[in-house]
Structure formats: structure tokens, C-alpha cells
Amino acid sequence: MKRRTPIIALAQIKYNHTGRHNVDRIKKYIVLAAKKKADIVCFPETCINKAEQLPLNHKLIKEIQETCKENSIWTIITDNFIANGAHYKMAILVDREGKIRGKYKKIHLYGDETKENGKRIFVKDTDFGKIGIVICWDLAFPKLFRKMKNAGAEMVFCPAYWGYESKAHKENPKENEKNIIKSMMLSRISILLGCAILTKKNGTSYHILQLHVLIGYLMNYMKKKDLLCRRLILMR
């Protein structure tokens, strides 16, 4: 059985509605992730220019592609894009050569500005593993993860722009919303048999029950504006 240990980076950035500001920050974090030897860096949902729907050949997208090429790293960026004359909430996978290797159109919309939804799951081979992508509210639908697992996905990325509503909970709404997200993440990982977040601690692999610790760390880390890098263990 072949053992691989890719390094995954998550960029928790603060962004606004100005595309120029956001792309400059995205490029900065791509460079930072590459310096940490990451194979891929994933950015949050709607990270480029929420106020405007962009064509895939927009100059801002090309700048991100060029930065990936210069730093030999994969990147996932998500926003409202125009494709074939229709508007989609879409995640773009850019490879080490700066080429767009895949596009995932969000299937389950929730408060999105776009009206068109995707119909197909996304699973793609890369040079560090086979990945799946979902976006935000897709996380609430386990069927997508079963399909990705059956298609061979070893890890799944979920860029999100997640908020909370106080009216949804009587007490402590923010903490309750975090617990809901955490429970969904754990249940989806169990569908993937834990392969998405297996890593090492003092030379020992995490077991599925220990994923609570790692997920909790990720949830707490979301408060910070920074870059999180972790090495995974993939067996195939």
C-alpha cells in the first residue's frame, strides 16, 4: 500500500468587496503557503469580489493563476462566476502550472446571489491525492460525500462563508452554530472513513475518535486571520 503525506494549507483571510484588495491578499497567502511547502492552499467562499460576478478569464483570476505557477502550488478559490452565459457559485481548482484543472458548481444554494446550481459532484486526481470539493451549505448533505467516496475521493475541501443567526438558538447562538458545523464535519468525515483528516501526532496516527480534537482546533482557528498548514497521511 502506497503512503503519501501531502501538506494542506487553509487560508483564513479577512476580505472585503473590493477585488483588487482581495486578490492581493490571496496572492500573498499563496506565496506564504508555498514557503511552508504546502501542496495546496484553499481559500474561503466568495473570496475575490462578492459584489461582481466574474468571467473565468478575468484579469484577477489570471493573476492568481500566475502566482500558482510562480510558486508551484495548487489553489482553490471560490466566488460567483460566469460560465457558458450562466451565473454560478463556483470553486476553481488551479494547478502548479497555473492552469484551471477543474470547476465545481455549488449544488445546494442557500442565500446565494446566483440562481443556477450545479448538478454533479467534483472529484479530481492531483499529484498529491484525489480530492473532492463542496461549498458551504453542501456540507449539510451526506449523499454528496457518499458519492465522492465512491468516486475515490481521499480528502474533501469545503470553502465556506458561514454565519449564524441569533434567532436560530435561544442561548449562546454563536457557540451552538459552531457545534452544529463541527458535528456535520465529523459525520461527513466518518463517511470518508476518516481519510480526509488523518494526520500524525508524536508518530502515532489519529483515530476517528481523536478527530474531535483536530476539528475543535480548526474551529477555534477560524477566529484568527492566518494560515493553517497540516500534513496528512493518505494510504492507497
C-alpha atoms as a PDB file:
ATOM      1  CA  MET A   1       0.000   0.000   0.000  1.00  0.00           C
ATOM      2  CA  LYS A   2       1.444   3.361  -1.023  1.00  0.00           C
ATOM      3  CA  ARG A   3       1.826   6.007   1.690  1.00  0.00           C
ATOM      4  CA  ARG A   4       1.697   9.729   0.852  1.00  0.00           C
ATOM      5  CA  THR A   5       1.956  12.740   3.163  1.00  0.00           C
ATOM      6  CA  PRO A   6       0.750  15.896   1.403  1.00  0.00           C
ATOM      7  CA  ILE A   7       0.745  19.236   3.195  1.00  0.00           C
ATOM      8  CA  ILE A   8      -2.592  21.042   3.120  1.00  0.00           C
ATOM      9  CA  ALA A   9      -2.952  24.778   3.794  1.00  0.00           C
ATOM     10  CA  LEU A  10      -6.121  26.659   4.776  1.00  0.00           C
ATOM     11  CA  ALA A  11      -6.023  30.452   4.425  1.00  0.00           C
ATOM     12  CA  GLN A  12      -8.312  32.158   6.921  1.00  0.00           C
ATOM     13  CA  ILE A  13      -8.197  35.650   5.428  1.00  0.00           C
ATOM     14  CA  LYS A  14     -10.170  38.808   6.054  1.00  0.00           C
ATOM     15  CA  TYR A  15     -11.555  40.182   2.805  1.00  0.00           C
ATOM     16  CA  ASN A  16     -13.980  42.830   1.581  1.00  0.00           C
ATOM     17  CA  HIS A  17     -15.957  43.617  -1.568  1.00  0.00           C
ATOM     18  CA  THR A  18     -13.001  45.068  -3.466  1.00  0.00           C
ATOM     19  CA  GLY A  19     -11.491  42.582  -5.891  1.00  0.00           C
ATOM     20  CA  ARG A  20      -8.091  44.276  -6.058  1.00  0.00           C
ATOM     21  CA  HIS A  21      -7.640  44.212  -2.272  1.00  0.00           C
ATOM     22  CA  ASN A  22      -8.760  40.582  -2.012  1.00  0.00           C
ATOM     23  CA  VAL A  23      -6.598  39.251  -4.838  1.00  0.00           C
ATOM     24  CA  ASP A  24      -3.500  40.974  -3.455  1.00  0.00           C
ATOM     25  CA  ARG A  25      -4.176  39.202  -0.149  1.00  0.00           C
ATOM     26  CA  ILE A  26      -4.854  35.862  -1.879  1.00  0.00           C
ATOM     27  CA  LYS A  27      -1.554  36.116  -3.777  1.00  0.00           C
ATOM     28  CA  LYS A  28       0.280  36.903  -0.535  1.00  0.00           C
ATOM     29  CA  TYR A  29      -1.106  33.780   1.137  1.00  0.00           C
ATOM     30  CA  ILE A  30      -0.348  31.594  -1.875  1.00  0.00           C
ATOM     31  CA  VAL A  31       3.292  32.628  -1.529  1.00  0.00           C
ATOM     32  CA  LEU A  32       3.220  32.007   2.243  1.00  0.00           C
ATOM     33  CA  ALA A  33       1.703  28.541   1.755  1.00  0.00           C
ATOM     34  CA  ALA A  34       4.341  27.662  -0.839  1.00  0.00           C
ATOM     35  CA  LYS A  35       7.114  28.727   1.561  1.00  0.00           C
ATOM     36  CA  LYS A  36       5.673  26.260   4.067  1.00  0.00           C
ATOM     37  CA  LYS A  37       5.953  23.540   1.381  1.00  0.00           C
ATOM     38  CA  ALA A  38       2.169  23.153   1.078  1.00  0.00           C
ATOM     39  CA  ASP A  39       0.853  21.192  -1.891  1.00  0.00           C
ATOM     40  CA  ILE A  40      -2.425  23.116  -1.961  1.00  0.00           C
ATOM     41  CA  VAL A  41      -3.988  26.146  -0.277  1.00  0.00           C
ATOM     42  CA  CYS A  42      -7.762  26.588  -0.001  1.00  0.00           C
ATOM     43  CA  PHE A  43      -9.440  29.990   0.450  1.00  0.00           C
ATOM     44  CA  PRO A  44     -12.908  30.776   1.889  1.00  0.00           C
ATOM     45  CA  GLU A  45     -16.085  31.043  -0.155  1.00  0.00           C
ATOM     46  CA  THR A  46     -16.663  34.241  -2.191  1.00  0.00           C
ATOM     47  CA  CYS A  47     -13.102  35.410  -1.620  1.00  0.00           C
ATOM     48  CA  ILE A  48     -12.442  37.514  -4.733  1.00  0.00           C
ATOM     49  CA  ASN A  49     -15.187  40.010  -5.495  1.00  0.00           C
ATOM     50  CA  LYS A  50     -18.584  39.303  -3.947  1.00  0.00           C
ATOM     51  CA  ALA A  51     -20.078  42.475  -5.416  1.00  0.00           C
ATOM     52  CA  GLU A  52     -19.491  41.383  -9.014  1.00  0.00           C
ATOM     53  CA  GLN A  53     -19.834  38.162 -10.995  1.00  0.00           C
ATOM     54  CA  LEU A  54     -16.608  37.490 -12.863  1.00  0.00           C
ATOM     55  CA  PRO A  55     -15.845  35.609 -16.087  1.00  0.00           C
ATOM     56  CA  LEU A  56     -13.261  32.855 -15.701  1.00  0.00           C
ATOM     57  CA  ASN A  57     -10.822  34.741 -17.949  1.00  0.00           C
ATOM     58  CA  HIS A  58     -10.940  37.893 -15.789  1.00  0.00           C
ATOM     59  CA  LYS A  59      -7.548  39.520 -15.166  1.00  0.00           C
ATOM     60  CA  LEU A  60      -7.856  38.964 -11.399  1.00  0.00           C
ATOM     61  CA  ILE A  61      -8.227  35.212 -11.942  1.00  0.00           C
ATOM     62  CA  LYS A  62      -5.243  35.221 -14.288  1.00  0.00           C
ATOM     63  CA  GLU A  63      -3.140  36.914 -11.606  1.00  0.00           C
ATOM     64  CA  ILE A  64      -3.976  34.119  -9.175  1.00  0.00           C
ATOM     65  CA  GLN A  65      -3.142  31.516 -11.809  1.00  0.00           C
ATOM     66  CA  GLU A  66       0.212  33.158 -12.474  1.00  0.00           C
ATOM     67  CA  THR A  67       1.037  33.240  -8.763  1.00  0.00           C
ATOM     68  CA  CYS A  68       0.296  29.494  -8.523  1.00  0.00           C
ATOM     69  CA  LYS A  69       2.633  28.878 -11.446  1.00  0.00           C
ATOM     70  CA  GLU A  70       5.410  31.021  -9.975  1.00  0.00           C
ATOM     71  CA  ASN A  71       5.175  29.163  -6.658  1.00  0.00           C
ATOM     72  CA  SER A  72       4.340  25.648  -7.929  1.00  0.00           C
ATOM     73  CA  ILE A  73       1.281  25.157  -5.731  1.00  0.00           C
ATOM     74  CA  TRP A  74      -2.357  24.133  -6.174  1.00  0.00           C
ATOM     75  CA  THR A  75      -5.099  26.553  -5.090  1.00  0.00           C
ATOM     76  CA  ILE A  76      -8.878  26.501  -4.588  1.00  0.00           C
ATOM     77  CA  ILE A  77     -10.730  29.805  -4.982  1.00  0.00           C
ATOM     78  CA  THR A  78     -14.492  30.252  -4.828  1.00  0.00           C
ATOM     79  CA  ASP A  79     -16.794  33.054  -5.955  1.00  0.00           C
ATOM     80  CA  ASN A  80     -19.728  33.969  -8.209  1.00  0.00           C
ATOM     81  CA  PHE A  81     -18.511  33.200 -11.723  1.00  0.00           C
ATOM     82  CA  ILE A  82     -19.970  33.383 -15.207  1.00  0.00           C
ATOM     83  CA  ALA A  83     -19.707  30.171 -17.221  1.00  0.00           C
ATOM     84  CA  ASN A  84     -21.399  29.470 -20.564  1.00  0.00           C
ATOM     85  CA  GLY A  85     -23.590  32.537 -20.150  1.00  0.00           C
ATOM     86  CA  ALA A  86     -24.933  31.446 -16.734  1.00  0.00           C
ATOM     87  CA  HIS A  87     -24.012  32.586 -13.218  1.00  0.00           C
ATOM     88  CA  TYR A  88     -22.840  30.011 -10.676  1.00  0.00           C
ATOM     89  CA  LYS A  89     -21.339  29.872  -7.220  1.00  0.00           C
ATOM     90  CA  MET A  90     -18.232  28.007  -8.282  1.00  0.00           C
ATOM     91  CA  ALA A  91     -14.958  26.691  -6.888  1.00  0.00           C
ATOM     92  CA  ILE A  92     -11.970  26.738  -9.242  1.00  0.00           C
ATOM     93  CA  LEU A  93      -9.052  24.333  -8.856  1.00  0.00           C
ATOM     94  CA  VAL A  94      -5.775  25.788 -10.163  1.00  0.00           C
ATOM     95  CA  ASP A  95      -2.721  23.522 -10.554  1.00  0.00           C
ATOM     96  CA  ARG A  96       1.017  24.091 -10.108  1.00  0.00           C
ATOM     97  CA  GLU A  97       1.333  25.272 -13.702  1.00  0.00           C
ATOM     98  CA  GLY A  98      -1.337  27.924 -13.242  1.00  0.00           C
ATOM     99  CA  LYS A  99      -3.927  26.043 -15.280  1.00  0.00           C
ATOM    100  CA  ILE A 100      -7.571  25.634 -14.262  1.00  0.00           C
ATOM    101  CA  ARG A 101      -7.839  21.885 -13.753  1.00  0.00           C
ATOM    102  CA  GLY A 102     -11.446  21.746 -12.637  1.00  0.00           C
ATOM    103  CA  LYS A 103     -14.579  23.683 -11.711  1.00  0.00           C
ATOM    104  CA  TYR A 104     -17.201  22.715  -9.136  1.00  0.00           C
ATOM    105  CA  LYS A 105     -20.610  24.397  -9.279  1.00  0.00           C
ATOM    106  CA  LYS A 106     -22.334  24.580  -5.898  1.00  0.00           C
ATOM    107  CA  ILE A 107     -25.258  22.156  -5.830  1.00  0.00           C
ATOM    108  CA  HIS A 108     -27.180  23.254  -2.724  1.00  0.00           C
ATOM    109  CA  LEU A 109     -27.688  27.019  -2.717  1.00  0.00           C
ATOM    110  CA  TYR A 110     -28.506  28.915   0.476  1.00  0.00           C
ATOM    111  CA  GLY A 111     -28.863  32.685   0.348  1.00  0.00           C
ATOM    112  CA  ASP A 112     -26.612  32.876  -2.710  1.00  0.00           C
ATOM    113  CA  GLU A 113     -26.803  35.682  -5.239  1.00  0.00           C
ATOM    114  CA  THR A 114     -26.758  33.150  -8.064  1.00  0.00           C
ATOM    115  CA  LYS A 115     -29.842  31.173  -9.099  1.00  0.00           C
ATOM    116  CA  GLU A 116     -28.218  28.422 -11.181  1.00  0.00           C
ATOM    117  CA  ASN A 117     -26.996  25.416  -9.229  1.00  0.00           C
ATOM    118  CA  GLY A 118     -24.649  22.630 -10.228  1.00  0.00           C
ATOM    119  CA  LYS A 119     -25.733  19.037 -10.826  1.00  0.00           C
ATOM    120  CA  ARG A 120     -22.552  16.987 -10.432  1.00  0.00           C
ATOM    121  CA  ILE A 121     -20.101  16.187  -7.659  1.00  0.00           C
ATOM    122  CA  PHE A 122     -16.454  17.100  -8.113  1.00  0.00           C
ATOM    123  CA  VAL A 123     -13.630  14.575  -7.663  1.00  0.00           C
ATOM    124  CA  LYS A 124     -10.231  15.174  -9.257  1.00  0.00           C
ATOM    125  CA  ASP A 125      -6.858  13.440  -9.357  1.00  0.00           C
ATOM    126  CA  THR A 126      -3.905  15.617  -8.361  1.00  0.00           C
ATOM    127  CA  ASP A 127      -0.209  14.874  -7.877  1.00  0.00           C
ATOM    128  CA  PHE A 128      -0.748  14.670  -4.097  1.00  0.00           C
ATOM    129  CA  GLY A 129      -4.054  12.765  -3.892  1.00  0.00           C
ATOM    130  CA  LYS A 130      -7.606  12.512  -5.168  1.00  0.00           C
ATOM    131  CA  ILE A 131      -9.692  15.434  -3.903  1.00  0.00           C
ATOM    132  CA  GLY A 132     -13.350  16.382  -3.739  1.00  0.00           C
ATOM    133  CA  ILE A 133     -14.813  19.875  -3.354  1.00  0.00           C
ATOM    134  CA  VAL A 134     -18.106  21.074  -1.888  1.00  0.00           C
ATOM    135  CA  ILE A 135     -19.149  24.614  -0.959  1.00  0.00           C
ATOM    136  CA  CYS A 136     -20.637  25.780   2.352  1.00  0.00           C
ATOM    137  CA  TRP A 137     -24.246  24.520   2.629  1.00  0.00           C
ATOM    138  CA  ASP A 138     -23.351  21.409   0.602  1.00  0.00           C
ATOM    139  CA  LEU A 139     -21.877  20.223   3.898  1.00  0.00           C
ATOM    140  CA  ALA A 140     -25.404  19.539   5.147  1.00  0.00           C
ATOM    141  CA  PHE A 141     -25.996  16.796   2.558  1.00  0.00           C
ATOM    142  CA  PRO A 142     -24.253  13.469   3.328  1.00  0.00           C
ATOM    143  CA  LYS A 143     -25.263  11.978  -0.018  1.00  0.00           C
ATOM    144  CA  LEU A 144     -22.669  14.172  -1.751  1.00  0.00           C
ATOM    145  CA  PHE A 145     -19.921  12.732   0.430  1.00  0.00           C
ATOM    146  CA  ARG A 146     -21.003   9.160  -0.209  1.00  0.00           C
ATOM    147  CA  LYS A 147     -20.842   9.836  -3.942  1.00  0.00           C
ATOM    148  CA  MET A 148     -17.396  11.415  -3.623  1.00  0.00           C
ATOM    149  CA  LYS A 149     -16.159   8.481  -1.578  1.00  0.00           C
ATOM    150  CA  ASN A 150     -17.460   6.051  -4.200  1.00  0.00           C
ATOM    151  CA  ALA A 151     -15.644   8.125  -6.829  1.00  0.00           C
ATOM    152  CA  GLY A 152     -12.376   7.669  -4.917  1.00  0.00           C
ATOM    153  CA  ALA A 153     -12.025  10.971  -3.041  1.00  0.00           C
ATOM    154  CA  GLU A 154      -9.331  10.829  -0.349  1.00  0.00           C
ATOM    155  CA  MET A 155      -9.918  14.324   1.023  1.00  0.00           C
ATOM    156  CA  VAL A 156     -12.677  16.907   0.624  1.00  0.00           C
ATOM    157  CA  PHE A 157     -12.339  20.672   0.743  1.00  0.00           C
ATOM    158  CA  CYS A 158     -15.288  22.822   1.807  1.00  0.00           C
ATOM    159  CA  PRO A 159     -14.712  26.569   1.319  1.00  0.00           C
ATOM    160  CA  ALA A 160     -17.462  28.369   3.225  1.00  0.00           C
ATOM    161  CA  TYR A 161     -18.852  31.751   4.175  1.00  0.00           C
ATOM    162  CA  TRP A 162     -20.726  30.607   7.261  1.00  0.00           C
ATOM    163  CA  GLY A 163     -22.654  32.877   9.581  1.00  0.00           C
ATOM    164  CA  TYR A 164     -25.037  32.393  12.458  1.00  0.00           C
ATOM    165  CA  GLU A 165     -28.447  33.798  13.316  1.00  0.00           C
ATOM    166  CA  SER A 166     -29.355  34.514  16.914  1.00  0.00           C
ATOM    167  CA  LYS A 167     -32.991  33.694  16.232  1.00  0.00           C
ATOM    168  CA  ALA A 168     -31.950  30.112  15.467  1.00  0.00           C
ATOM    169  CA  HIS A 169     -30.985  29.496  19.090  1.00  0.00           C
ATOM    170  CA  LYS A 170     -32.340  30.743  22.390  1.00  0.00           C
ATOM    171  CA  GLU A 171     -28.973  30.861  24.128  1.00  0.00           C
ATOM    172  CA  ASN A 172     -25.362  31.233  23.030  1.00  0.00           C
ATOM    173  CA  PRO A 173     -26.109  31.220  19.271  1.00  0.00           C
ATOM    174  CA  LYS A 174     -22.514  31.523  18.086  1.00  0.00           C
ATOM    175  CA  GLU A 175     -21.267  28.552  20.100  1.00  0.00           C
ATOM    176  CA  ASN A 176     -24.295  26.452  19.147  1.00  0.00           C
ATOM    177  CA  GLU A 177     -23.768  27.191  15.455  1.00  0.00           C
ATOM    178  CA  LYS A 178     -20.112  26.161  15.764  1.00  0.00           C
ATOM    179  CA  ASN A 179     -21.174  22.873  17.365  1.00  0.00           C
ATOM    180  CA  ILE A 180     -23.593  22.215  14.519  1.00  0.00           C
ATOM    181  CA  ILE A 181     -20.834  22.747  11.951  1.00  0.00           C
ATOM    182  CA  LYS A 182     -18.441  20.585  13.950  1.00  0.00           C
ATOM    183  CA  SER A 183     -20.936  17.722  14.157  1.00  0.00           C
ATOM    184  CA  MET A 184     -21.609  17.893  10.413  1.00  0.00           C
ATOM    185  CA  MET A 185     -17.884  17.862   9.672  1.00  0.00           C
ATOM    186  CA  LEU A 186     -17.328  14.809  11.873  1.00  0.00           C
ATOM    187  CA  SER A 187     -20.230  12.905  10.359  1.00  0.00           C
ATOM    188  CA  ARG A 188     -19.054  13.635   6.810  1.00  0.00           C
ATOM    189  CA  ILE A 189     -15.537  12.546   7.724  1.00  0.00           C
ATOM    190  CA  SER A 190     -16.938   9.279   9.067  1.00  0.00           C
ATOM    191  CA  ILE A 191     -18.469   8.701   5.635  1.00  0.00           C
ATOM    192  CA  LEU A 192     -14.982   9.099   4.167  1.00  0.00           C
ATOM    193  CA  LEU A 193     -13.643   6.712   6.855  1.00  0.00           C
ATOM    194  CA  GLY A 194     -11.551   9.487   8.360  1.00  0.00           C
ATOM    195  CA  CYS A 195      -9.202   9.669   5.381  1.00  0.00           C
ATOM    196  CA  ALA A 196      -9.748  13.406   4.999  1.00  0.00           C
ATOM    197  CA  ILE A 197      -8.132  14.399   8.282  1.00  0.00           C
ATOM    198  CA  LEU A 198      -5.846  11.575   9.343  1.00  0.00           C
ATOM    199  CA  THR A 199      -2.564  13.071  10.491  1.00  0.00           C
ATOM    200  CA  LYS A 200       0.266  12.297  12.887  1.00  0.00           C
ATOM    201  CA  LYS A 201       0.920  13.231  16.481  1.00  0.00           C
ATOM    202  CA  ASN A 202       4.169  12.051  18.049  1.00  0.00           C
ATOM    203  CA  GLY A 203       4.459   9.387  15.385  1.00  0.00           C
ATOM    204  CA  THR A 204       1.011   7.939  16.037  1.00  0.00           C
ATOM    205  CA  SER A 205      -1.914   8.186  13.630  1.00  0.00           C
ATOM    206  CA  TYR A 206      -5.081   9.813  14.873  1.00  0.00           C
ATOM    207  CA  HIS A 207      -8.073   7.518  15.264  1.00  0.00           C
ATOM    208  CA  ILE A 208     -11.579   8.598  14.325  1.00  0.00           C
ATOM    209  CA  LEU A 209     -12.455   9.483  17.940  1.00  0.00           C
ATOM    210  CA  GLN A 210      -9.472  11.814  18.133  1.00  0.00           C
ATOM    211  CA  LEU A 211     -10.774  13.815  15.197  1.00  0.00           C
ATOM    212  CA  HIS A 212     -12.805  15.811  17.708  1.00  0.00           C
ATOM    213  CA  VAL A 213      -9.549  17.394  18.883  1.00  0.00           C
ATOM    214  CA  LEU A 214      -8.420  18.366  15.398  1.00  0.00           C
ATOM    215  CA  ILE A 215     -11.843  19.640  14.326  1.00  0.00           C
ATOM    216  CA  GLY A 216     -12.055  21.659  17.531  1.00  0.00           C
ATOM    217  CA  TYR A 217      -8.681  23.179  16.754  1.00  0.00           C
ATOM    218  CA  LEU A 218      -9.801  24.111  13.254  1.00  0.00           C
ATOM    219  CA  MET A 219     -12.983  25.708  14.568  1.00  0.00           C
ATOM    220  CA  ASN A 220     -11.058  27.784  17.106  1.00  0.00           C
ATOM    221  CA  TYR A 221      -8.512  28.706  14.478  1.00  0.00           C
ATOM    222  CA  MET A 222     -11.274  30.219  12.345  1.00  0.00           C
ATOM    223  CA  LYS A 223     -11.232  33.237  14.669  1.00  0.00           C
ATOM    224  CA  LYS A 224      -7.735  34.124  13.506  1.00  0.00           C
ATOM    225  CA  LYS A 225      -6.587  35.735  10.291  1.00  0.00           C
ATOM    226  CA  ASP A 226      -3.732  33.485   9.330  1.00  0.00           C
ATOM    227  CA  LEU A 227      -2.560  30.367   7.513  1.00  0.00           C
ATOM    228  CA  LEU A 228      -3.022  26.854   8.886  1.00  0.00           C
ATOM    229  CA  CYS A 229      -0.849  24.056   7.448  1.00  0.00           C
ATOM    230  CA  ARG A 230      -1.145  20.371   8.313  1.00  0.00           C
ATOM    231  CA  ARG A 231       0.422  17.208   6.926  1.00  0.00           C
ATOM    232  CA  LEU A 232      -1.985  14.374   6.073  1.00  0.00           C
ATOM    233  CA  ILE A 233      -1.374  10.655   5.853  1.00  0.00           C
ATOM    234  CA  LEU A 234      -3.007   9.031   2.832  1.00  0.00           C
ATOM    235  CA  MET A 235      -2.880   5.307   2.174  1.00  0.00           C
ATOM    236  CA  ARG A 236      -3.801   3.753  -1.130  1.00  0.00           C
END
